[in-house]
C-alpha cells in the first residue's frame, strides 16, 4: 500500500467501504428479509393444510347434513299438519270433540280464542292462540285425557288446570270433578 499514491489509496478504501456497505445493505434489506419469510412459510403451509382438511370434512359431511335437513323439514311438515290453522275457534272445537270421543270427558263450554305472538322466543315464526274450556269428568279419566292430549298434540299445551268437586251431585256422580283449563296452541303461519 505504500507504493500506491495517497489519492488512489483513499479511493480504494472508499470503494472497499462502499462495496461493504452495499453488500451489507443487500444482505439486511433483501436476503435476510427473504430468509425470514422462508422460515414463516412452513407454518403458513400447516395452517392452510388444516383449513383445507376442515373444508374437505365439511364437503364430505354436506351430503349427510343435506339428508338430515330433509328429514327435519319432513318432520316439521308433519308437526305443522296438527297445528291450528284457518278459523281457530272451529278448528279447536272440532279437534277437542274428535279427541274426547275416546275419553269419558264432558267439555260443554268453550271460551273465546285469544291470539297473540309467542313471547317465549324472539323471532319465533309461529303465533299462539289460547282457549279456555271447562267440563266434568272422573279424576282418572281426566288425568288420562290430559296425558293423551298433550302426547297426541305436541304443538298444544294445557295450562292453569283447576279441579273442584261437582256442585250438583247425582247419586252415581259422587266422584266426578268439575274442571277449568286453558289450551295454548301454536298457529301455523299462512304462506
N, C-alpha and C. Protein backbone atom coordinates (compact mmCIF):
# COMPACT_ATOMS: atom_id res chain seq x y z
N UNK A 1 0.81 -1.17 0.00
CA UNK A 1 0.00 0.00 0.00
C UNK A 1 0.87 1.26 0.00
N UNK A 2 2.11 1.09 0.38
CA UNK A 2 2.97 2.26 0.40
C UNK A 2 3.31 2.70 -1.02
N UNK A 3 3.20 1.81 -1.94
CA UNK A 3 3.55 2.16 -3.32
C UNK A 3 2.38 2.83 -4.01
N UNK A 4 1.19 2.72 -3.50
CA UNK A 4 0.03 3.33 -4.13
C UNK A 4 -0.06 4.77 -3.62
N UNK A 5 -0.26 5.69 -4.57
CA UNK A 5 -0.37 7.07 -4.13
C UNK A 5 -1.56 7.25 -3.17
N UNK A 6 -1.46 8.29 -2.36
CA UNK A 6 -2.43 8.54 -1.32
C UNK A 6 -3.84 8.73 -1.89
N UNK A 7 -4.00 9.41 -2.99
CA UNK A 7 -5.33 9.61 -3.59
C UNK A 7 -5.94 8.28 -4.03
N UNK A 8 -5.11 7.47 -4.65
CA UNK A 8 -5.61 6.18 -5.13
C UNK A 8 -5.95 5.29 -3.93
N UNK A 9 -5.12 5.34 -2.90
CA UNK A 9 -5.37 4.53 -1.72
C UNK A 9 -6.68 4.95 -1.05
N UNK A 10 -6.95 6.22 -0.92
CA UNK A 10 -8.21 6.71 -0.35
C UNK A 10 -9.40 6.29 -1.22
N UNK A 11 -9.20 6.37 -2.52
CA UNK A 11 -10.27 5.93 -3.42
C UNK A 11 -10.51 4.43 -3.26
N UNK A 12 -9.43 3.67 -3.14
CA UNK A 12 -9.56 2.22 -2.98
C UNK A 12 -10.25 1.87 -1.66
N UNK A 13 -9.89 2.58 -0.59
CA UNK A 13 -10.54 2.36 0.71
C UNK A 13 -12.02 2.76 0.62
N UNK A 14 -12.32 3.87 -0.04
CA UNK A 14 -13.70 4.33 -0.19
C UNK A 14 -14.50 3.32 -1.00
N UNK A 15 -13.90 2.79 -2.06
CA UNK A 15 -14.60 1.79 -2.88
C UNK A 15 -14.82 0.53 -2.06
N UNK A 16 -13.84 0.11 -1.27
CA UNK A 16 -13.99 -1.08 -0.42
C UNK A 16 -15.08 -0.89 0.62
N UNK A 17 -15.06 0.29 1.29
CA UNK A 17 -16.11 0.56 2.28
C UNK A 17 -17.49 0.66 1.62
N UNK A 18 -17.55 1.29 0.47
CA UNK A 18 -18.82 1.40 -0.26
C UNK A 18 -19.33 0.03 -0.66
N UNK A 19 -18.39 -0.83 -1.12
CA UNK A 19 -18.78 -2.19 -1.51
C UNK A 19 -19.29 -2.95 -0.29
N UNK A 20 -18.60 -2.79 0.85
CA UNK A 20 -19.04 -3.49 2.07
C UNK A 20 -20.40 -2.96 2.54
N UNK A 21 -20.59 -1.65 2.44
CA UNK A 21 -21.90 -1.07 2.80
C UNK A 21 -22.99 -1.58 1.86
N UNK A 22 -22.69 -1.63 0.58
CA UNK A 22 -23.67 -2.10 -0.40
C UNK A 22 -24.00 -3.57 -0.15
N UNK A 23 -22.99 -4.38 0.09
CA UNK A 23 -23.22 -5.82 0.33
C UNK A 23 -24.01 -6.01 1.62
N UNK A 24 -23.64 -5.29 2.70
CA UNK A 24 -24.38 -5.44 3.95
C UNK A 24 -25.81 -4.91 3.80
N UNK A 25 -26.00 -3.84 3.05
CA UNK A 25 -27.36 -3.33 2.81
C UNK A 25 -28.17 -4.36 2.03
N UNK A 26 -27.57 -4.96 1.00
CA UNK A 26 -28.26 -6.03 0.25
C UNK A 26 -28.58 -7.19 1.18
N UNK A 27 -27.66 -7.54 2.05
CA UNK A 27 -27.89 -8.66 2.97
C UNK A 27 -29.06 -8.38 3.90
N UNK A 28 -29.05 -7.23 4.56
CA UNK A 28 -30.09 -6.94 5.54
C UNK A 28 -31.43 -6.60 4.90
N UNK A 29 -31.40 -5.91 3.77
CA UNK A 29 -32.67 -5.49 3.16
C UNK A 29 -33.29 -6.57 2.31
N UNK A 30 -32.53 -7.34 1.59
CA UNK A 30 -33.11 -8.32 0.67
C UNK A 30 -32.95 -9.75 1.17
N UNK A 31 -31.77 -10.17 1.41
CA UNK A 31 -31.51 -11.58 1.69
C UNK A 31 -32.06 -11.98 3.05
N UNK A 32 -31.80 -11.20 4.10
CA UNK A 32 -32.28 -11.55 5.43
C UNK A 32 -33.80 -11.51 5.50
N UNK A 33 -34.41 -10.53 4.84
CA UNK A 33 -35.88 -10.45 4.82
C UNK A 33 -36.47 -11.68 4.12
N UNK A 34 -35.86 -12.08 3.02
CA UNK A 34 -36.34 -13.26 2.30
C UNK A 34 -36.16 -14.53 3.15
N UNK A 35 -35.02 -14.60 3.85
CA UNK A 35 -34.77 -15.76 4.70
C UNK A 35 -35.81 -15.83 5.83
N UNK A 36 -36.19 -14.70 6.40
CA UNK A 36 -37.22 -14.66 7.45
C UNK A 36 -38.55 -15.14 6.90
N UNK A 37 -38.87 -14.68 5.70
CA UNK A 37 -40.14 -15.10 5.09
C UNK A 37 -40.12 -16.59 4.79
N UNK A 38 -39.00 -17.11 4.36
CA UNK A 38 -38.89 -18.54 4.08
C UNK A 38 -39.08 -19.36 5.35
N UNK A 39 -38.66 -18.83 6.49
CA UNK A 39 -38.85 -19.54 7.75
C UNK A 39 -40.32 -19.53 8.19
N UNK A 40 -41.10 -18.54 7.78
CA UNK A 40 -42.52 -18.46 8.12
C UNK A 40 -43.38 -19.34 7.23
N UNK A 41 -42.91 -19.68 6.07
CA UNK A 41 -43.72 -20.43 5.09
C UNK A 41 -44.16 -21.80 5.62
N UNK A 42 -43.33 -22.60 6.28
CA UNK A 42 -43.83 -23.90 6.78
C UNK A 42 -45.02 -23.76 7.73
N UNK A 43 -45.02 -22.75 8.59
CA UNK A 43 -46.15 -22.53 9.50
C UNK A 43 -47.40 -22.15 8.71
N UNK A 44 -47.23 -21.32 7.69
CA UNK A 44 -48.37 -20.94 6.84
C UNK A 44 -48.89 -22.15 6.08
N UNK A 45 -48.00 -23.00 5.61
CA UNK A 45 -48.42 -24.20 4.89
C UNK A 45 -49.23 -25.11 5.82
N UNK A 46 -48.79 -25.23 7.06
CA UNK A 46 -49.52 -26.05 8.03
C UNK A 46 -50.92 -25.48 8.29
N UNK A 47 -51.02 -24.16 8.45
CA UNK A 47 -52.32 -23.53 8.68
C UNK A 47 -53.25 -23.75 7.49
N UNK A 48 -52.74 -23.55 6.30
CA UNK A 48 -53.56 -23.72 5.10
C UNK A 48 -53.98 -25.18 4.95
N UNK A 49 -53.09 -26.11 5.30
CA UNK A 49 -53.41 -27.53 5.20
C UNK A 49 -54.53 -27.90 6.19
N UNK A 50 -54.48 -27.32 7.40
CA UNK A 50 -55.54 -27.57 8.38
C UNK A 50 -56.87 -27.03 7.89
N UNK A 51 -56.86 -25.82 7.32
CA UNK A 51 -58.10 -25.25 6.77
C UNK A 51 -58.62 -26.09 5.62
N UNK A 52 -57.73 -26.59 4.80
CA UNK A 52 -58.13 -27.45 3.68
C UNK A 52 -58.76 -28.74 4.18
N UNK A 53 -58.18 -29.32 5.24
CA UNK A 53 -58.75 -30.53 5.82
C UNK A 53 -60.14 -30.27 6.38
N UNK A 54 -60.32 -29.12 7.03
CA UNK A 54 -61.64 -28.76 7.56
C UNK A 54 -62.65 -28.62 6.42
N UNK A 55 -62.24 -27.99 5.33
CA UNK A 55 -63.14 -27.84 4.18
C UNK A 55 -63.48 -29.19 3.56
N UNK A 56 -62.48 -30.09 3.47
CA UNK A 56 -62.76 -31.42 2.93
C UNK A 56 -63.76 -32.17 3.81
N UNK A 57 -63.62 -32.01 5.14
CA UNK A 57 -64.58 -32.64 6.05
C UNK A 57 -65.98 -32.07 5.83
N UNK A 58 -66.05 -30.75 5.70
CA UNK A 58 -67.35 -30.10 5.51
C UNK A 58 -68.00 -30.56 4.21
N UNK A 59 -67.20 -30.69 3.16
CA UNK A 59 -67.75 -31.16 1.88
C UNK A 59 -68.21 -32.61 2.01
N UNK A 60 -67.41 -33.42 2.72
CA UNK A 60 -67.79 -34.83 2.90
C UNK A 60 -69.06 -34.96 3.73
N UNK A 61 -69.24 -34.07 4.71
CA UNK A 61 -70.42 -34.14 5.57
C UNK A 61 -71.62 -33.38 4.99
N UNK A 62 -71.43 -32.67 3.90
CA UNK A 62 -72.53 -31.88 3.35
C UNK A 62 -73.68 -32.76 2.90
N UNK A 63 -73.40 -33.92 2.34
CA UNK A 63 -74.49 -34.81 1.93
C UNK A 63 -75.23 -35.33 3.16
N UNK A 64 -74.48 -35.62 4.23
CA UNK A 64 -75.12 -36.06 5.46
C UNK A 64 -75.99 -34.95 6.03
N UNK A 65 -75.47 -33.72 6.03
CA UNK A 65 -76.24 -32.58 6.53
C UNK A 65 -77.47 -32.32 5.68
N UNK A 66 -77.33 -32.48 4.36
CA UNK A 66 -78.48 -32.29 3.47
C UNK A 66 -79.56 -33.33 3.77
N UNK A 67 -79.15 -34.57 4.02
CA UNK A 67 -80.11 -35.62 4.35
C UNK A 67 -80.78 -35.32 5.69
N UNK A 68 -80.00 -34.87 6.68
CA UNK A 68 -80.58 -34.52 7.98
C UNK A 68 -81.55 -33.35 7.86
N UNK A 69 -81.19 -32.38 7.01
CA UNK A 69 -82.08 -31.24 6.79
C UNK A 69 -83.39 -31.70 6.17
N UNK A 70 -83.32 -32.59 5.21
CA UNK A 70 -84.53 -33.10 4.56
C UNK A 70 -85.43 -33.83 5.57
N UNK A 71 -84.82 -34.64 6.44
CA UNK A 71 -85.59 -35.34 7.47
C UNK A 71 -86.23 -34.34 8.42
N UNK A 72 -85.48 -33.29 8.81
CA UNK A 72 -86.02 -32.27 9.72
C UNK A 72 -87.16 -31.50 9.08
N UNK A 73 -87.03 -31.20 7.79
CA UNK A 73 -88.10 -30.49 7.09
C UNK A 73 -89.36 -31.35 7.01
N UNK A 74 -89.20 -32.65 6.76
CA UNK A 74 -90.35 -33.54 6.71
C UNK A 74 -91.00 -33.67 8.09
N UNK A 75 -90.16 -33.76 9.14
CA UNK A 75 -90.70 -33.85 10.49
C UNK A 75 -91.46 -32.58 10.85
N UNK A 76 -90.89 -31.42 10.50
CA UNK A 76 -91.58 -30.16 10.76
C UNK A 76 -92.90 -30.10 9.99
N UNK A 77 -92.90 -30.57 8.76
CA UNK A 77 -94.14 -30.59 7.97
C UNK A 77 -95.21 -31.45 8.62
N UNK A 78 -94.80 -32.62 9.13
CA UNK A 78 -95.79 -33.48 9.79
C UNK A 78 -96.28 -32.87 11.10
N UNK A 79 -95.40 -32.16 11.81
CA UNK A 79 -95.84 -31.48 13.03
C UNK A 79 -96.77 -30.31 12.71
N UNK A 80 -96.52 -29.62 11.61
CA UNK A 80 -97.38 -28.49 11.23
C UNK A 80 -98.77 -28.95 10.79
N UNK A 81 -98.90 -30.21 10.38
CA UNK A 81 -100.23 -30.70 9.99
C UNK A 81 -101.19 -30.70 11.16
N UNK A 82 -100.66 -30.90 12.38
CA UNK A 82 -101.51 -30.91 13.57
C UNK A 82 -101.67 -29.54 14.20
N UNK A 83 -101.05 -28.52 13.61
CA UNK A 83 -101.17 -27.17 14.18
C UNK A 83 -102.48 -26.52 13.75
N UNK A 84 -102.93 -25.63 14.59
CA UNK A 84 -104.16 -24.89 14.31
C UNK A 84 -103.97 -24.00 13.09
N UNK A 85 -105.03 -23.91 12.28
CA UNK A 85 -104.99 -23.04 11.10
C UNK A 85 -106.41 -22.65 10.72
N UNK A 86 -106.51 -21.62 9.93
CA UNK A 86 -107.82 -21.17 9.47
C UNK A 86 -108.63 -20.56 10.60
N UNK A 87 -109.93 -20.93 10.68
CA UNK A 87 -110.81 -20.46 11.75
C UNK A 87 -110.43 -21.20 13.03
N UNK A 88 -109.73 -20.53 13.92
CA UNK A 88 -109.17 -21.18 15.10
C UNK A 88 -110.24 -21.72 16.04
N UNK A 89 -111.32 -20.99 16.20
CA UNK A 89 -112.37 -21.42 17.13
C UNK A 89 -112.98 -22.74 16.68
N UNK A 90 -113.39 -22.83 15.41
CA UNK A 90 -114.00 -24.08 14.94
C UNK A 90 -112.95 -25.19 14.86
N UNK A 91 -111.70 -24.85 14.54
CA UNK A 91 -110.66 -25.87 14.44
C UNK A 91 -110.43 -26.53 15.80
N UNK A 92 -110.32 -25.74 16.86
CA UNK A 92 -110.04 -26.32 18.17
C UNK A 92 -111.24 -27.06 18.71
N UNK A 93 -112.45 -26.56 18.46
CA UNK A 93 -113.64 -27.27 18.94
C UNK A 93 -113.75 -28.62 18.24
N UNK A 94 -113.56 -28.66 16.93
CA UNK A 94 -113.60 -29.94 16.21
C UNK A 94 -112.51 -30.88 16.71
N UNK A 95 -111.33 -30.37 16.91
CA UNK A 95 -110.22 -31.21 17.36
C UNK A 95 -110.49 -31.79 18.74
N UNK A 96 -110.95 -30.96 19.68
CA UNK A 96 -111.22 -31.43 21.04
C UNK A 96 -112.38 -32.40 21.04
N UNK A 97 -113.43 -32.12 20.28
CA UNK A 97 -114.59 -33.02 20.25
C UNK A 97 -114.22 -34.37 19.65
N UNK A 98 -113.42 -34.38 18.57
CA UNK A 98 -112.98 -35.66 17.99
C UNK A 98 -112.09 -36.42 18.97
N UNK A 99 -111.25 -35.71 19.71
CA UNK A 99 -110.33 -36.36 20.63
C UNK A 99 -111.05 -36.90 21.86
N UNK A 100 -112.04 -36.18 22.37
CA UNK A 100 -112.70 -36.60 23.62
C UNK A 100 -113.66 -37.76 23.40
N UNK A 101 -113.93 -38.11 22.16
CA UNK A 101 -114.83 -39.25 21.90
C UNK A 101 -114.27 -40.52 22.54
N UNK A 102 -112.95 -40.71 22.48
CA UNK A 102 -112.34 -41.92 23.04
C UNK A 102 -112.12 -41.81 24.54
N UNK A 103 -112.40 -40.69 25.15
CA UNK A 103 -112.24 -40.49 26.59
C UNK A 103 -113.60 -40.16 27.19
N UNK A 104 -113.76 -40.44 28.47
CA UNK A 104 -115.03 -40.16 29.14
C UNK A 104 -114.96 -38.79 29.82
N UNK A 105 -114.86 -37.76 28.99
CA UNK A 105 -114.75 -36.39 29.47
C UNK A 105 -115.82 -35.58 28.78
N UNK A 106 -116.52 -34.76 29.56
CA UNK A 106 -117.57 -33.91 29.00
C UNK A 106 -117.05 -32.47 29.01
N UNK A 107 -116.93 -31.87 27.81
CA UNK A 107 -116.45 -30.48 27.70
C UNK A 107 -117.53 -29.67 26.97
N UNK A 108 -118.50 -29.14 27.72
CA UNK A 108 -119.57 -28.41 27.05
C UNK A 108 -119.28 -26.92 26.83
N UNK A 109 -118.29 -26.36 27.53
CA UNK A 109 -118.09 -24.91 27.45
C UNK A 109 -116.72 -24.58 26.88
N UNK A 110 -116.75 -23.75 25.85
CA UNK A 110 -115.53 -23.25 25.22
C UNK A 110 -115.57 -21.73 25.28
N UNK A 111 -114.48 -21.14 25.72
CA UNK A 111 -114.40 -19.68 25.80
C UNK A 111 -113.95 -19.10 24.46
N UNK A 112 -113.72 -17.81 24.42
CA UNK A 112 -113.24 -17.19 23.18
C UNK A 112 -111.76 -17.49 22.95
N UNK A 113 -111.36 -17.45 21.69
CA UNK A 113 -109.97 -17.67 21.32
C UNK A 113 -109.23 -16.34 21.35
N UNK A 114 -108.11 -16.32 22.05
CA UNK A 114 -107.27 -15.13 22.13
C UNK A 114 -105.95 -15.45 21.43
N UNK A 115 -105.61 -14.69 20.41
CA UNK A 115 -104.36 -14.95 19.67
C UNK A 115 -103.34 -13.86 19.99
N UNK A 116 -102.08 -14.22 19.81
CA UNK A 116 -101.00 -13.26 20.05
C UNK A 116 -99.68 -13.86 19.63
N UNK A 117 -98.62 -13.08 19.79
CA UNK A 117 -97.29 -13.56 19.48
C UNK A 117 -96.79 -14.46 20.59
N UNK A 118 -95.93 -15.40 20.23
CA UNK A 118 -95.29 -16.25 21.23
C UNK A 118 -94.21 -15.40 21.90
N UNK A 119 -94.33 -15.21 23.18
CA UNK A 119 -93.37 -14.35 23.88
C UNK A 119 -92.24 -15.14 24.53
N UNK A 120 -92.19 -16.44 24.29
CA UNK A 120 -91.15 -17.27 24.89
C UNK A 120 -89.84 -17.16 24.11
N UNK A 121 -89.91 -17.06 22.79
CA UNK A 121 -88.73 -16.98 21.95
C UNK A 121 -88.81 -15.74 21.06
N UNK A 122 -87.66 -15.12 20.83
CA UNK A 122 -87.62 -13.97 19.94
C UNK A 122 -87.66 -14.46 18.50
N UNK A 123 -88.32 -13.74 17.64
CA UNK A 123 -88.44 -14.04 16.21
C UNK A 123 -88.93 -15.46 15.96
N UNK A 124 -89.88 -15.92 16.75
CA UNK A 124 -90.46 -17.25 16.59
C UNK A 124 -91.46 -17.18 15.43
N UNK A 125 -91.41 -18.10 14.47
CA UNK A 125 -92.23 -17.94 13.26
C UNK A 125 -93.71 -18.27 13.45
N UNK A 126 -94.11 -18.74 14.62
CA UNK A 126 -95.50 -19.11 14.84
C UNK A 126 -96.16 -18.12 15.80
N UNK A 127 -97.46 -18.07 15.72
CA UNK A 127 -98.24 -17.30 16.68
C UNK A 127 -98.86 -18.31 17.65
N UNK A 128 -99.44 -17.82 18.73
CA UNK A 128 -100.10 -18.72 19.67
C UNK A 128 -101.54 -18.28 19.87
N UNK A 129 -102.37 -19.25 20.19
CA UNK A 129 -103.77 -18.97 20.49
C UNK A 129 -104.09 -19.64 21.82
N UNK A 130 -104.98 -19.02 22.58
CA UNK A 130 -105.35 -19.52 23.89
C UNK A 130 -106.87 -19.63 23.95
N UNK A 131 -107.36 -20.76 24.45
CA UNK A 131 -108.79 -21.00 24.55
C UNK A 131 -109.09 -21.60 25.91
N UNK A 132 -110.03 -21.02 26.64
CA UNK A 132 -110.45 -21.56 27.93
C UNK A 132 -111.57 -22.56 27.73
N UNK A 133 -111.51 -23.71 28.41
CA UNK A 133 -112.56 -24.73 28.33
C UNK A 133 -112.90 -25.17 29.75
N UNK A 134 -114.10 -25.72 29.90
CA UNK A 134 -114.50 -26.28 31.19
C UNK A 134 -115.43 -27.44 30.94
N UNK A 135 -115.47 -28.33 31.92
CA UNK A 135 -116.31 -29.51 31.79
C UNK A 135 -116.26 -30.35 33.03
N UNK A 136 -116.70 -31.62 32.89
CA UNK A 136 -116.71 -32.55 34.02
C UNK A 136 -116.13 -33.89 33.58
N UNK A 137 -115.55 -34.60 34.55
CA UNK A 137 -115.01 -35.94 34.28
C UNK A 137 -114.63 -36.58 35.60
N UNK A 138 -114.47 -37.88 35.57
CA UNK A 138 -113.92 -38.57 36.73
C UNK A 138 -112.41 -38.30 36.76
N UNK A 139 -111.86 -38.34 37.96
CA UNK A 139 -110.45 -37.97 38.15
C UNK A 139 -109.52 -38.80 37.26
N UNK A 140 -109.69 -40.09 37.26
CA UNK A 140 -108.82 -40.97 36.46
C UNK A 140 -108.99 -40.68 34.96
N UNK A 141 -110.23 -40.53 34.51
CA UNK A 141 -110.49 -40.25 33.09
C UNK A 141 -109.89 -38.90 32.69
N UNK A 142 -109.99 -37.91 33.58
CA UNK A 142 -109.45 -36.59 33.28
C UNK A 142 -107.92 -36.64 33.19
N UNK A 143 -107.29 -37.36 34.10
CA UNK A 143 -105.83 -37.50 34.05
C UNK A 143 -105.38 -38.19 32.77
N UNK A 144 -106.08 -39.22 32.36
CA UNK A 144 -105.76 -39.92 31.12
C UNK A 144 -105.98 -38.98 29.91
N UNK A 145 -107.04 -38.19 29.96
CA UNK A 145 -107.31 -37.22 28.90
C UNK A 145 -106.16 -36.22 28.78
N UNK A 146 -105.72 -35.68 29.91
CA UNK A 146 -104.63 -34.70 29.90
C UNK A 146 -103.36 -35.29 29.28
N UNK A 147 -102.97 -36.46 29.75
CA UNK A 147 -101.75 -37.08 29.25
C UNK A 147 -101.85 -37.41 27.77
N UNK A 148 -102.96 -38.01 27.37
CA UNK A 148 -103.13 -38.38 25.96
C UNK A 148 -103.20 -37.16 25.06
N UNK A 149 -103.85 -36.10 25.54
CA UNK A 149 -104.00 -34.89 24.72
C UNK A 149 -102.64 -34.26 24.43
N UNK A 150 -101.81 -34.09 25.47
CA UNK A 150 -100.51 -33.45 25.25
C UNK A 150 -99.56 -34.35 24.47
N UNK A 151 -99.70 -35.67 24.60
CA UNK A 151 -98.87 -36.57 23.80
C UNK A 151 -99.31 -36.60 22.34
N UNK A 152 -100.60 -36.50 22.09
CA UNK A 152 -101.12 -36.54 20.72
C UNK A 152 -100.86 -35.23 19.98
N UNK A 153 -100.92 -34.11 20.67
CA UNK A 153 -100.77 -32.80 20.05
C UNK A 153 -99.54 -32.08 20.65
N UNK A 154 -98.35 -32.30 20.10
CA UNK A 154 -97.15 -31.68 20.68
C UNK A 154 -97.12 -30.16 20.50
N UNK A 155 -97.95 -29.60 19.64
CA UNK A 155 -97.97 -28.15 19.46
C UNK A 155 -98.99 -27.48 20.38
N UNK A 156 -99.59 -28.24 21.31
CA UNK A 156 -100.57 -27.68 22.24
C UNK A 156 -100.18 -28.04 23.67
N UNK A 157 -100.51 -27.16 24.57
CA UNK A 157 -100.27 -27.39 25.99
C UNK A 157 -101.53 -27.03 26.76
N UNK A 158 -101.76 -27.77 27.84
CA UNK A 158 -102.87 -27.47 28.74
C UNK A 158 -102.27 -26.78 29.96
N UNK A 159 -102.85 -25.66 30.36
CA UNK A 159 -102.31 -24.91 31.49
C UNK A 159 -103.43 -24.39 32.36
N UNK A 160 -103.05 -23.92 33.53
CA UNK A 160 -103.99 -23.36 34.51
C UNK A 160 -105.18 -24.30 34.77
N UNK A 161 -104.87 -25.54 35.03
CA UNK A 161 -105.91 -26.55 35.28
C UNK A 161 -106.42 -26.37 36.71
N UNK A 162 -107.74 -26.25 36.83
CA UNK A 162 -108.39 -26.12 38.14
C UNK A 162 -109.40 -27.24 38.28
N UNK A 163 -109.34 -27.98 39.38
CA UNK A 163 -110.26 -29.08 39.64
C UNK A 163 -111.07 -28.78 40.90
N UNK A 164 -112.37 -29.08 40.85
CA UNK A 164 -113.26 -28.92 42.01
C UNK A 164 -114.27 -30.06 41.98
N UNK A 165 -114.79 -30.42 43.13
CA UNK A 165 -115.88 -31.41 43.12
C UNK A 165 -117.11 -30.81 42.42
N UNK A 166 -117.87 -31.67 41.76
CA UNK A 166 -119.08 -31.20 41.07
C UNK A 166 -120.06 -30.69 42.12
N UNK A 167 -120.63 -29.52 41.87
CA UNK A 167 -121.52 -28.90 42.86
C UNK A 167 -122.86 -29.63 42.94
N UNK A 168 -123.44 -30.03 41.84
CA UNK A 168 -124.70 -30.77 41.86
C UNK A 168 -124.36 -32.24 41.70
N UNK A 169 -124.52 -32.98 42.76
CA UNK A 169 -124.10 -34.38 42.76
C UNK A 169 -125.30 -35.28 42.54
N UNK A 170 -125.23 -36.05 41.44
CA UNK A 170 -126.23 -37.08 41.20
C UNK A 170 -125.79 -38.32 41.99
N UNK A 171 -126.71 -39.25 42.24
CA UNK A 171 -126.35 -40.40 43.07
C UNK A 171 -125.11 -41.17 42.58
N UNK A 172 -124.89 -41.32 41.31
CA UNK A 172 -123.75 -42.08 40.81
C UNK A 172 -122.54 -41.21 40.48
N UNK A 173 -122.62 -39.89 40.69
CA UNK A 173 -121.55 -38.98 40.29
C UNK A 173 -120.82 -38.36 41.47
N UNK A 174 -120.72 -39.06 42.60
CA UNK A 174 -120.04 -38.50 43.76
C UNK A 174 -118.56 -38.24 43.49
N UNK A 175 -117.95 -39.03 42.62
CA UNK A 175 -116.52 -38.90 42.38
C UNK A 175 -116.20 -38.01 41.18
N UNK A 176 -117.21 -37.42 40.58
CA UNK A 176 -116.99 -36.58 39.40
C UNK A 176 -116.41 -35.23 39.82
N UNK A 177 -115.54 -34.70 38.93
CA UNK A 177 -114.91 -33.42 39.17
C UNK A 177 -115.30 -32.42 38.09
N UNK A 178 -115.34 -31.18 38.46
CA UNK A 178 -115.53 -30.09 37.51
C UNK A 178 -114.15 -29.49 37.25
N UNK A 179 -113.84 -29.20 35.99
CA UNK A 179 -112.52 -28.66 35.68
C UNK A 179 -112.63 -27.44 34.77
N UNK A 180 -111.62 -26.60 34.91
CA UNK A 180 -111.42 -25.47 34.01
C UNK A 180 -109.95 -25.48 33.63
N UNK A 181 -109.66 -25.17 32.38
CA UNK A 181 -108.26 -25.13 31.94
C UNK A 181 -108.16 -24.29 30.68
N UNK A 182 -106.95 -23.99 30.31
CA UNK A 182 -106.68 -23.25 29.08
C UNK A 182 -105.88 -24.14 28.14
N UNK A 183 -106.24 -24.08 26.88
CA UNK A 183 -105.48 -24.79 25.85
C UNK A 183 -104.68 -23.74 25.10
N UNK A 184 -103.37 -23.89 25.13
CA UNK A 184 -102.48 -22.99 24.39
C UNK A 184 -101.96 -23.76 23.19
N UNK A 185 -102.12 -23.18 22.00
CA UNK A 185 -101.71 -23.89 20.79
C UNK A 185 -100.90 -22.97 19.88
N UNK A 186 -100.00 -23.57 19.14
CA UNK A 186 -99.27 -22.84 18.11
C UNK A 186 -100.14 -22.77 16.88
N UNK A 187 -100.09 -21.64 16.19
CA UNK A 187 -100.89 -21.43 14.99
C UNK A 187 -99.95 -21.47 13.79
N UNK A 188 -100.30 -22.32 12.81
CA UNK A 188 -99.49 -22.46 11.62
C UNK A 188 -99.50 -21.15 10.84
N UNK A 189 -98.33 -20.69 10.41
CA UNK A 189 -98.29 -19.43 9.65
C UNK A 189 -98.91 -19.65 8.26
N UNK A 190 -99.58 -18.63 7.79
CA UNK A 190 -100.14 -18.70 6.45
C UNK A 190 -99.08 -18.28 5.46
N UNK A 191 -98.93 -19.06 4.38
CA UNK A 191 -97.87 -18.73 3.40
C UNK A 191 -98.46 -18.25 2.12
